Amino acid sequence: MSSPHARLPLSPRRLFREVFAYWAQERRTVRQGLTALAISTCVGLAAGLVLGFMEELLAALPGLLMLIPAAIGMRGAIFGALGARLGTAILTGQFDGSLARDSFGRQNLAAAAALTLYSSALAALAARAVAALFGLPSVSVWKLMVISVVGGVLASSVIAVMVVLLARSALSRNWDMDAVGAPLVTTTGDIVTLPALIVATLLIRNETFATGAGVVLLLAAAAAVAAGLRAGGDLTRRICRQSLTVLSYAALVDVLAGGVLEAQVEAFLTTPALLVLIPPFIANCGSLGGILSARLGSELHLGLITPRRLPERQANLEGSLAVLFSIAAFGGVGLSAHLVSVLAGFDSPGLATMVGIALLGGALAFLLLFAVAYYVAVATYRFGLDPDNYGIPVVTATMDFFGVLCLVAAILIFGVN
């Protein structure tokens, strides 16, 4: 990462020269970021295929589609923030790879576990409330509770192991955790969350059992939050205290995004290729926001940028990296989603339309991404809070919601269904 400068040059020629020079200077970050986004897209496509094949389940369990953005988004918010904290800790020498009692890594994992239970339970409650508010069909709140909490715990267990292994590898191999952490966490969340939700649906076949299990899981979530706020480690308490509000916001926003999808469920079921497009598109929105948020947070910690009302030169150069990543990511999403859908036998509106939808939706989403990532990082830093605890959850949740809106808008603009 470079030192801060005053302003970007006003001349277009000098501006492009400056940007290309910065990309060349950050070529390791570009290479690692594009690789991580390529992996994110591929795994997101696998999740998209799972979603495409969930057509009958989505029809049989109204409200399930509403939970999916929250279930996926919460994994990215909680463990993306965990990865960002570990990335900053690597740079500042706080993380040495240990998970011993009261260590930096152990306290972070304890907080992530408590927040997983809390956010999963809240998502279930919010999904049922949104369904009732907007007149959308839905199964009972207790069935949603079982699906959300059990699916969330199963998925989070896998992601937690991956994040720890990734952080240890970044520490030993001198990787840029900020560049690779958010995309790979989001990717893992995408691929494991949907199968975890499918497994969780097996527990709701009996109405009485689902009701009892739902009540128990709600109480367990409340107990986990209380334990996190009273934990012996100062770091665990601080993470839980700072994260509860922002994760509440993230869960509610993700459920609203799911409500948008649920309202358009007939259109998605009519053209299953659009279902395939959803996970990699949302994943890349979250990944791009996570990369930018993590890098801005680390640069604020290191004093490479200052928290100003208007972004300074270094912050804008970081935004230019996100532009490069966006063009590659969303173009690849549209192309690969079409090819995968054709191979799977799903109806597709065509290659040009799929690529056009992805690029247009991605362009609309990016207009919001930089502003959200920058001002969330600056605001939290100015208030003396940790941007790693706020930046990624707020950015990823906000981009989940706006990403869904932008994707649906692009679909409507292209006249699909």
Protein backbone atom coordinates (compact mmCIF):
# COMPACT_ATOMS: atom_id res chain seq x y z
CA MET A 1 0.00 0.00 0.00
CA SER A 2 1.27 3.42 -0.91
CA SER A 3 1.58 6.59 1.12
CA PRO A 4 -1.21 9.21 0.87
CA HIS A 5 -1.11 12.06 -1.60
CA ALA A 6 -3.02 15.28 -1.82
CA ARG A 7 -5.45 14.86 -4.73
CA LEU A 8 -5.98 13.00 -7.96
CA PRO A 9 -4.85 15.05 -10.97
CA LEU A 10 -7.65 16.89 -12.76
CA SER A 11 -6.34 16.24 -16.27
CA PRO A 12 -7.94 13.07 -17.75
CA ARG A 13 -4.62 12.05 -19.30
CA ARG A 14 -2.76 12.47 -16.03
CA LEU A 15 -5.62 10.78 -14.20
CA PHE A 16 -5.45 7.64 -16.36
CA ARG A 17 -1.65 7.64 -16.20
CA GLU A 18 -1.83 7.86 -12.41
CA VAL A 19 -4.40 5.07 -12.17
CA PHE A 20 -2.53 2.70 -14.49
CA ALA A 21 0.70 3.41 -12.61
CA TYR A 22 -1.05 2.55 -9.35
CA TRP A 23 -2.40 -0.68 -10.81
CA ALA A 24 1.11 -1.59 -11.91
CA GLN A 25 2.47 -0.73 -8.47
CA GLU A 26 -0.22 -2.87 -6.83
CA ARG A 27 0.11 -5.71 -9.33
CA ARG A 28 0.45 -8.30 -6.58
CA THR A 29 -2.85 -7.11 -5.08
CA VAL A 30 -4.44 -7.05 -8.54
CA ARG A 31 -3.23 -10.58 -9.26
CA GLN A 32 -4.36 -11.92 -5.89
CA GLY A 33 -7.66 -10.03 -5.98
CA LEU A 34 -8.56 -11.19 -9.50
CA THR A 35 -7.64 -14.76 -8.59
CA ALA A 36 -9.81 -14.60 -5.48
CA LEU A 37 -12.71 -13.08 -7.45
CA ALA A 38 -12.36 -15.77 -10.12
CA ILE A 39 -12.58 -18.43 -7.43
CA SER A 40 -15.52 -16.54 -5.89
CA THR A 41 -17.32 -16.53 -9.24
CA CYS A 42 -16.71 -20.23 -9.86
CA VAL A 43 -17.90 -21.23 -6.41
CA GLY A 44 -20.79 -18.77 -6.66
CA LEU A 45 -21.83 -20.53 -9.85
CA ALA A 46 -21.83 -23.82 -7.99
CA ALA A 47 -24.13 -22.20 -5.42
CA GLY A 48 -26.21 -20.86 -8.30
CA LEU A 49 -26.60 -24.36 -9.69
CA VAL A 50 -27.72 -25.56 -6.25
CA LEU A 51 -30.25 -22.71 -6.17
CA GLY A 52 -31.41 -23.60 -9.67
CA PHE A 53 -32.01 -27.19 -8.62
CA MET A 54 -33.86 -25.95 -5.49
CA GLU A 55 -36.77 -24.89 -7.69
CA GLU A 56 -39.23 -27.40 -6.19
CA LEU A 57 -38.06 -26.70 -2.62
CA LEU A 58 -38.50 -22.95 -3.11
CA ALA A 59 -42.03 -23.56 -4.37
CA ALA A 60 -42.87 -25.97 -1.51
CA LEU A 61 -41.45 -23.75 1.28
CA PRO A 62 -42.62 -20.16 0.70
CA GLY A 63 -40.35 -17.73 2.52
CA LEU A 64 -37.22 -19.83 2.02
CA LEU A 65 -35.96 -17.60 -0.80
CA MET A 66 -36.36 -14.65 1.55
CA LEU A 67 -33.89 -16.24 3.97
CA ILE A 68 -31.19 -16.99 1.40
CA PRO A 69 -29.58 -13.51 1.07
CA ALA A 70 -29.53 -13.17 4.86
CA ALA A 71 -28.14 -16.67 5.38
CA ILE A 72 -25.37 -16.07 2.84
CA GLY A 73 -24.87 -12.42 3.77
CA MET A 74 -24.47 -13.08 7.48
CA ARG A 75 -21.69 -15.56 6.83
CA GLY A 76 -19.88 -12.92 4.78
CA ALA A 77 -20.56 -10.15 7.30
CA ILE A 78 -19.41 -12.07 10.37
CA PHE A 79 -16.49 -13.95 8.92
CA GLY A 80 -15.51 -11.25 6.43
CA ALA A 81 -15.11 -8.95 9.43
CA LEU A 82 -13.18 -11.71 11.21
CA GLY A 83 -10.84 -12.01 8.22
CA ALA A 84 -10.39 -8.22 8.12
CA ARG A 85 -9.53 -8.12 11.82
CA LEU A 86 -7.03 -10.92 11.38
CA GLY A 87 -5.56 -9.15 8.35
CA THR A 88 -5.07 -5.96 10.35
CA ALA A 89 -3.69 -8.00 13.26
CA ILE A 90 -1.13 -9.61 10.94
CA LEU A 91 0.03 -6.15 9.80
CA THR A 92 0.24 -4.87 13.40
CA GLY A 93 1.79 -8.04 14.86
CA GLN A 94 -1.17 -9.00 17.08
CA PHE A 95 -1.90 -12.34 15.40
CA ASP A 96 0.74 -15.05 15.50
CA GLY A 97 -1.45 -17.98 14.41
CA SER A 98 -2.19 -19.18 17.94
CA LEU A 99 -5.67 -20.25 19.14
CA ALA A 100 -4.64 -20.65 22.77
CA ARG A 101 -6.97 -19.54 25.56
CA ASP A 102 -7.45 -15.73 25.60
CA SER A 103 -5.37 -15.37 22.42
CA PHE A 104 -6.36 -12.87 19.72
CA GLY A 105 -7.57 -15.65 17.41
CA ARG A 106 -9.51 -17.55 20.11
CA GLN A 107 -11.39 -14.46 21.29
CA ASN A 108 -12.31 -13.57 17.71
CA LEU A 109 -13.73 -17.05 17.10
CA ALA A 110 -15.76 -16.93 20.33
CA ALA A 111 -17.32 -13.66 19.24
CA ALA A 112 -18.06 -15.05 15.75
CA ALA A 113 -19.88 -18.04 17.28
CA ALA A 114 -22.14 -15.87 19.44
CA LEU A 115 -22.87 -13.51 16.57
CA THR A 116 -23.73 -16.42 14.26
CA LEU A 117 -26.49 -17.64 16.58
CA TYR A 118 -27.81 -14.12 17.12
CA SER A 119 -27.91 -13.08 13.47
CA SER A 120 -29.46 -16.37 12.33
CA ALA A 121 -32.28 -16.11 14.86
CA LEU A 122 -32.89 -12.46 14.01
CA ALA A 123 -33.03 -13.24 10.28
CA ALA A 124 -35.77 -15.82 10.88
CA LEU A 125 -37.84 -13.39 12.94
CA ALA A 126 -37.33 -10.62 10.38
CA ALA A 127 -38.23 -12.87 7.45
CA ARG A 128 -41.56 -13.82 8.99
CA ALA A 129 -42.28 -10.18 9.88
CA VAL A 130 -41.47 -8.93 6.38
CA ALA A 131 -43.63 -11.67 4.84
CA ALA A 132 -46.56 -10.64 7.03
CA LEU A 133 -46.00 -6.93 6.38
CA PHE A 134 -45.96 -7.25 2.59
CA GLY A 135 -48.44 -10.09 2.30
CA LEU A 136 -45.93 -12.65 1.03
CA PRO A 137 -46.58 -16.36 1.65
CA SER A 138 -44.34 -18.00 4.27
CA VAL A 139 -44.01 -21.06 6.47
CA SER A 140 -44.19 -20.61 10.26
CA VAL A 141 -41.64 -18.53 12.15
CA TRP A 142 -40.45 -21.65 14.01
CA LYS A 143 -39.70 -23.50 10.78
CA LEU A 144 -37.79 -20.46 9.56
CA MET A 145 -35.95 -20.39 12.90
CA VAL A 146 -34.80 -24.02 12.55
CA ILE A 147 -33.73 -23.55 8.93
CA SER A 148 -31.89 -20.30 9.62
CA VAL A 149 -30.10 -21.22 12.87
CA VAL A 150 -29.20 -24.82 12.07
CA GLY A 151 -28.14 -23.90 8.54
CA GLY A 152 -26.17 -20.93 9.86
CA VAL A 153 -24.32 -22.99 12.47
CA LEU A 154 -23.43 -25.76 10.00
CA ALA A 155 -22.14 -23.27 7.42
CA SER A 156 -20.29 -21.14 9.98
CA SER A 157 -18.40 -24.13 11.36
CA VAL A 158 -16.88 -24.77 7.94
CA ILE A 159 -16.12 -21.10 7.28
CA ALA A 160 -14.46 -20.59 10.67
CA VAL A 161 -11.97 -23.35 9.93
CA MET A 162 -11.27 -21.88 6.50
CA VAL A 163 -10.67 -18.36 7.85
CA VAL A 164 -8.19 -19.57 10.47
CA LEU A 165 -6.27 -21.65 7.91
CA LEU A 166 -6.27 -18.72 5.47
CA ALA A 167 -4.98 -16.30 8.11
CA ARG A 168 -2.20 -18.68 9.08
CA SER A 169 -1.24 -19.09 5.42
CA ALA A 170 -1.29 -15.30 4.91
CA LEU A 171 0.96 -14.91 7.95
CA SER A 172 3.49 -17.53 6.83
CA ARG A 173 3.48 -16.75 3.08
CA ASN A 174 3.19 -12.95 3.26
CA TRP A 175 -0.15 -12.82 1.44
CA ASP A 176 -2.34 -9.69 1.42
CA MET A 177 -5.18 -10.85 3.67
CA ASP A 178 -7.29 -7.82 2.75
CA ALA A 179 -7.16 -8.75 -0.95
CA VAL A 180 -7.88 -12.47 -0.62
CA GLY A 181 -9.80 -12.72 2.66
CA ALA A 182 -13.16 -11.16 1.79
CA PRO A 183 -13.62 -12.91 -1.60
CA LEU A 184 -12.67 -16.34 -0.27
CA VAL A 185 -14.81 -15.96 2.86
CA THR A 186 -17.75 -14.89 0.70
CA THR A 187 -17.05 -17.76 -1.67
CA THR A 188 -16.98 -20.36 1.07
CA GLY A 189 -20.16 -18.90 2.53
CA ASP A 190 -21.89 -19.20 -0.83
CA ILE A 191 -20.96 -22.80 -1.43
CA VAL A 192 -21.66 -24.18 2.05
CA THR A 193 -24.69 -22.12 3.09
CA LEU A 194 -27.23 -23.38 0.56
CA PRO A 195 -26.48 -27.09 1.19
CA ALA A 196 -26.57 -26.34 4.93
CA LEU A 197 -30.03 -24.80 4.55
CA ILE A 198 -31.21 -27.81 2.55
CA VAL A 199 -30.01 -30.13 5.34
CA ALA A 200 -31.79 -27.94 7.90
CA THR A 201 -35.11 -28.28 6.03
CA LEU A 202 -35.05 -32.00 6.84
CA LEU A 203 -35.71 -31.08 10.49
CA ILE A 204 -39.01 -29.26 9.87
CA ARG A 205 -41.08 -32.09 8.43
CA ASN A 206 -42.82 -32.60 11.78
CA GLU A 207 -44.71 -29.47 12.87
CA THR A 208 -44.49 -30.21 16.61
CA PHE A 209 -40.77 -30.93 16.51
CA ALA A 210 -40.10 -27.82 14.40
CA THR A 211 -41.98 -25.64 16.90
CA GLY A 212 -40.13 -27.06 19.91
CA ALA A 213 -36.76 -26.90 18.21
CA GLY A 214 -37.42 -23.33 17.07
CA VAL A 215 -38.16 -22.18 20.62
CA VAL A 216 -35.02 -23.90 21.97
CA LEU A 217 -32.83 -22.35 19.25
CA LEU A 218 -34.24 -18.86 19.92
CA LEU A 219 -33.39 -19.23 23.62
CA ALA A 220 -29.92 -20.56 22.72
CA ALA A 221 -29.28 -17.51 20.53
CA ALA A 222 -30.27 -15.17 23.37
CA ALA A 223 -28.00 -17.06 25.80
CA ALA A 224 -25.08 -16.92 23.35
CA VAL A 225 -25.36 -13.14 23.02
CA ALA A 226 -25.50 -12.72 26.80
CA ALA A 227 -22.43 -14.94 27.18
CA GLY A 228 -20.54 -12.97 24.52
CA LEU A 229 -21.28 -9.67 26.23
CA ARG A 230 -20.05 -11.08 29.57
CA ALA A 231 -17.09 -13.07 28.20
CA GLY A 232 -13.83 -13.12 30.12
CA GLY A 233 -11.83 -11.74 27.21
CA ASP A 234 -12.02 -7.99 26.62
CA LEU A 235 -11.70 -8.47 22.86
CA THR A 236 -14.68 -10.85 22.67
CA ARG A 237 -16.86 -8.43 24.64
CA ARG A 238 -15.81 -5.48 22.49
CA ILE A 239 -16.44 -7.31 19.21
CA CYS A 240 -19.88 -8.49 20.35
CA ARG A 241 -20.83 -5.07 21.70
CA GLN A 242 -19.77 -3.25 18.53
CA SER A 243 -21.15 -5.87 16.16
CA LEU A 244 -24.67 -6.40 17.51
CA THR A 245 -26.09 -3.16 16.12
CA VAL A 246 -24.43 -3.44 12.74
CA LEU A 247 -25.34 -7.11 12.34
CA SER A 248 -28.94 -6.29 13.23
CA TYR A 249 -28.90 -3.77 10.41
CA ALA A 250 -27.24 -6.29 8.09
CA ALA A 251 -29.77 -9.02 8.86
CA LEU A 252 -32.74 -6.73 8.30
CA VAL A 253 -31.34 -5.37 5.03
CA ASP A 254 -30.55 -8.86 3.76
CA VAL A 255 -34.07 -10.02 4.60
CA LEU A 256 -35.46 -7.06 2.66
CA ALA A 257 -33.28 -8.15 -0.27
CA GLY A 258 -34.77 -11.61 0.09
CA GLY A 259 -38.22 -10.04 0.09
CA VAL A 260 -37.46 -8.47 -3.29
CA LEU A 261 -36.46 -11.90 -4.63
CA GLU A 262 -39.48 -13.60 -3.06
CA ALA A 263 -41.78 -11.06 -4.69
CA GLN A 264 -40.24 -11.96 -8.08
CA VAL A 265 -40.03 -15.69 -7.43
CA GLU A 266 -42.30 -16.64 -10.33
CA ALA A 267 -40.06 -14.82 -12.81
CA PHE A 268 -36.94 -16.55 -11.45
CA LEU A 269 -38.60 -19.96 -11.53
CA THR A 270 -39.72 -19.36 -15.13
CA THR A 271 -36.13 -18.61 -16.24
CA PRO A 272 -33.88 -20.72 -13.98
CA ALA A 273 -30.69 -19.23 -15.48
CA LEU A 274 -31.55 -16.08 -13.53
CA LEU A 275 -31.51 -18.16 -10.33
CA VAL A 276 -28.02 -19.32 -11.27
CA LEU A 277 -27.00 -15.67 -11.68
CA ILE A 278 -28.11 -14.60 -8.18
CA PRO A 279 -25.42 -16.14 -5.89
CA PRO A 280 -22.32 -15.19 -7.94
CA PHE A 281 -23.66 -11.70 -8.62
CA ILE A 282 -24.44 -11.01 -4.95
CA ALA A 283 -21.20 -12.72 -3.92
CA ASN A 284 -19.14 -10.42 -6.13
CA CYS A 285 -20.97 -7.35 -4.83
CA GLY A 286 -20.04 -8.44 -1.31
CA SER A 287 -16.52 -9.45 -2.30
CA LEU A 288 -15.78 -6.14 -4.01
CA GLY A 289 -17.20 -4.22 -1.08
CA GLY A 290 -15.24 -6.39 1.31
CA ILE A 291 -11.95 -5.87 -0.52
CA LEU A 292 -12.38 -2.10 -0.62
CA SER A 293 -13.65 -1.86 2.95
CA ALA A 294 -10.83 -4.03 4.32
CA ARG A 295 -8.13 -2.08 2.46
CA LEU A 296 -9.53 1.28 3.53
CA GLY A 297 -9.80 0.05 7.11
CA SER A 298 -6.21 -1.16 7.14
CA GLU A 299 -4.97 2.10 5.60
CA LEU A 300 -6.82 4.12 8.24
CA HIS A 301 -5.15 2.01 10.94
CA LEU A 302 -1.73 2.51 9.37
CA GLY A 303 -2.21 6.23 8.77
CA LEU A 304 -1.93 5.92 4.98
CA ILE A 305 -5.22 7.77 4.54
CA THR A 306 -6.94 10.24 6.82
CA PRO A 307 -10.68 10.32 7.64
CA ARG A 308 -11.79 13.29 5.52
CA ARG A 309 -15.18 14.46 4.29
CA LEU A 310 -14.06 13.97 0.69
CA PRO A 311 -11.85 11.01 -0.30
CA GLU A 312 -8.22 11.93 -0.84
CA ARG A 313 -5.96 10.70 -3.59
CA GLN A 314 -5.00 7.36 -2.03
CA ALA A 315 -8.60 6.47 -1.25
CA ASN A 316 -9.65 7.26 -4.82
CA LEU A 317 -6.83 5.10 -6.15
CA GLU A 318 -8.16 2.26 -4.02
CA GLY A 319 -11.53 2.88 -5.66
CA SER A 320 -9.91 2.55 -9.08
CA LEU A 321 -8.77 -0.96 -8.14
CA ALA A 322 -12.37 -1.82 -7.36
CA VAL A 323 -13.39 -0.56 -10.81
CA LEU A 324 -10.89 -2.91 -12.43
CA PHE A 325 -12.09 -5.80 -10.29
CA SER A 326 -15.76 -4.99 -11.07
CA ILE A 327 -15.40 -5.08 -14.84
CA ALA A 328 -13.64 -8.43 -14.73
CA ALA A 329 -15.92 -9.93 -12.07
CA PHE A 330 -19.34 -9.01 -13.44
CA GLY A 331 -18.42 -9.73 -17.04
CA GLY A 332 -17.22 -13.15 -15.97
CA VAL A 333 -20.38 -13.75 -13.94
CA GLY A 334 -22.69 -13.13 -16.89
CA LEU A 335 -20.64 -15.25 -19.29
CA SER A 336 -20.14 -18.19 -16.97
CA ALA A 337 -23.73 -18.17 -15.62
CA HIS A 338 -25.05 -18.52 -19.17
CA LEU A 339 -22.65 -21.34 -20.06
CA VAL A 340 -23.32 -23.24 -16.83
CA SER A 341 -27.09 -22.84 -17.27
CA VAL A 342 -26.97 -24.19 -20.82
CA LEU A 343 -24.93 -27.19 -19.68
CA ALA A 344 -27.40 -27.84 -16.84
CA GLY A 345 -30.36 -27.60 -19.19
CA PHE A 346 -31.82 -24.43 -17.65
CA ASP A 347 -33.68 -21.91 -19.80
CA SER A 348 -31.52 -18.84 -20.48
CA PRO A 349 -32.37 -15.50 -22.13
CA GLY A 350 -29.12 -15.78 -24.16
CA LEU A 351 -25.43 -15.03 -23.80
CA ALA A 352 -25.56 -11.34 -24.73
CA THR A 353 -28.52 -10.72 -22.42
CA MET A 354 -26.95 -12.54 -19.48
CA VAL A 355 -23.66 -10.67 -19.85
CA GLY A 356 -25.52 -7.40 -20.35
CA ILE A 357 -27.63 -7.94 -17.24
CA ALA A 358 -24.56 -8.75 -15.14
CA LEU A 359 -22.52 -5.79 -16.40
CA LEU A 360 -25.37 -3.28 -16.14
CA GLY A 361 -26.39 -4.53 -12.70
CA GLY A 362 -22.74 -4.47 -11.62
CA ALA A 363 -22.25 -0.92 -12.92
CA LEU A 364 -25.32 0.29 -11.04
CA ALA A 365 -24.14 -1.45 -7.88
CA PHE A 366 -20.61 -0.05 -8.11
CA LEU A 367 -21.92 3.52 -8.14
CA LEU A 368 -22.98 2.92 -4.54
CA LEU A 369 -20.16 0.65 -3.42
CA PHE A 370 -17.34 3.14 -3.09
CA ALA A 371 -19.38 5.73 -1.21
CA VAL A 372 -20.70 3.16 1.26
CA ALA A 373 -17.27 1.57 1.86
CA TYR A 374 -15.44 4.89 2.27
CA TYR A 375 -17.90 6.73 4.51
CA VAL A 376 -18.59 3.75 6.75
CA ALA A 377 -14.85 3.29 7.31
CA VAL A 378 -14.32 7.02 7.95
CA ALA A 379 -17.34 7.40 10.25
CA THR A 380 -16.45 4.42 12.42
CA TYR A 381 -12.81 5.50 12.60
CA ARG A 382 -13.75 9.06 13.63
CA PHE A 383 -15.92 7.72 16.43
CA GLY A 384 -13.03 5.63 17.69
CA LEU A 385 -14.58 2.33 16.58
CA ASP A 386 -12.91 -0.47 14.65
CA PRO A 387 -13.64 -0.18 10.90
CA ASP A 388 -13.06 -3.95 10.61
CA ASN A 389 -16.06 -4.57 12.89
CA TYR A 390 -18.32 -2.16 11.01
CA GLY A 391 -17.02 -1.71 7.47
CA ILE A 392 -17.44 -5.19 6.02
CA PRO A 393 -20.81 -6.05 7.69
CA VAL A 394 -22.38 -2.72 6.70
CA VAL A 395 -20.88 -2.69 3.21
CA THR A 396 -21.67 -6.32 2.41
CA ALA A 397 -25.23 -6.11 3.76
CA THR A 398 -25.90 -2.82 1.99
CA MET A 399 -24.47 -4.19 -1.24
CA ASP A 400 -26.49 -7.39 -0.85
CA PHE A 401 -29.64 -5.27 -0.80
CA PHE A 402 -28.63 -2.81 -3.49
CA GLY A 403 -27.05 -5.63 -5.49
CA VAL A 404 -30.39 -7.45 -5.59
CA LEU A 405 -32.20 -4.23 -6.53
CA CYS A 406 -29.63 -3.49 -9.25
CA LEU A 407 -29.84 -7.04 -10.60
CA VAL A 408 -33.66 -6.96 -10.71
CA ALA A 409 -33.52 -3.50 -12.33
CA ALA A 410 -31.12 -4.77 -14.99
CA ILE A 411 -33.38 -7.76 -15.66
CA LEU A 412 -36.36 -5.43 -16.11
CA ILE A 413 -34.37 -3.05 -18.33
CA PHE A 414 -33.43 -5.97 -20.58
CA GLY A 415 -37.07 -7.02 -20.67
CA VAL A 416 -36.57 -10.54 -19.34
CA ASN A 417 -39.96 -11.74 -18.03
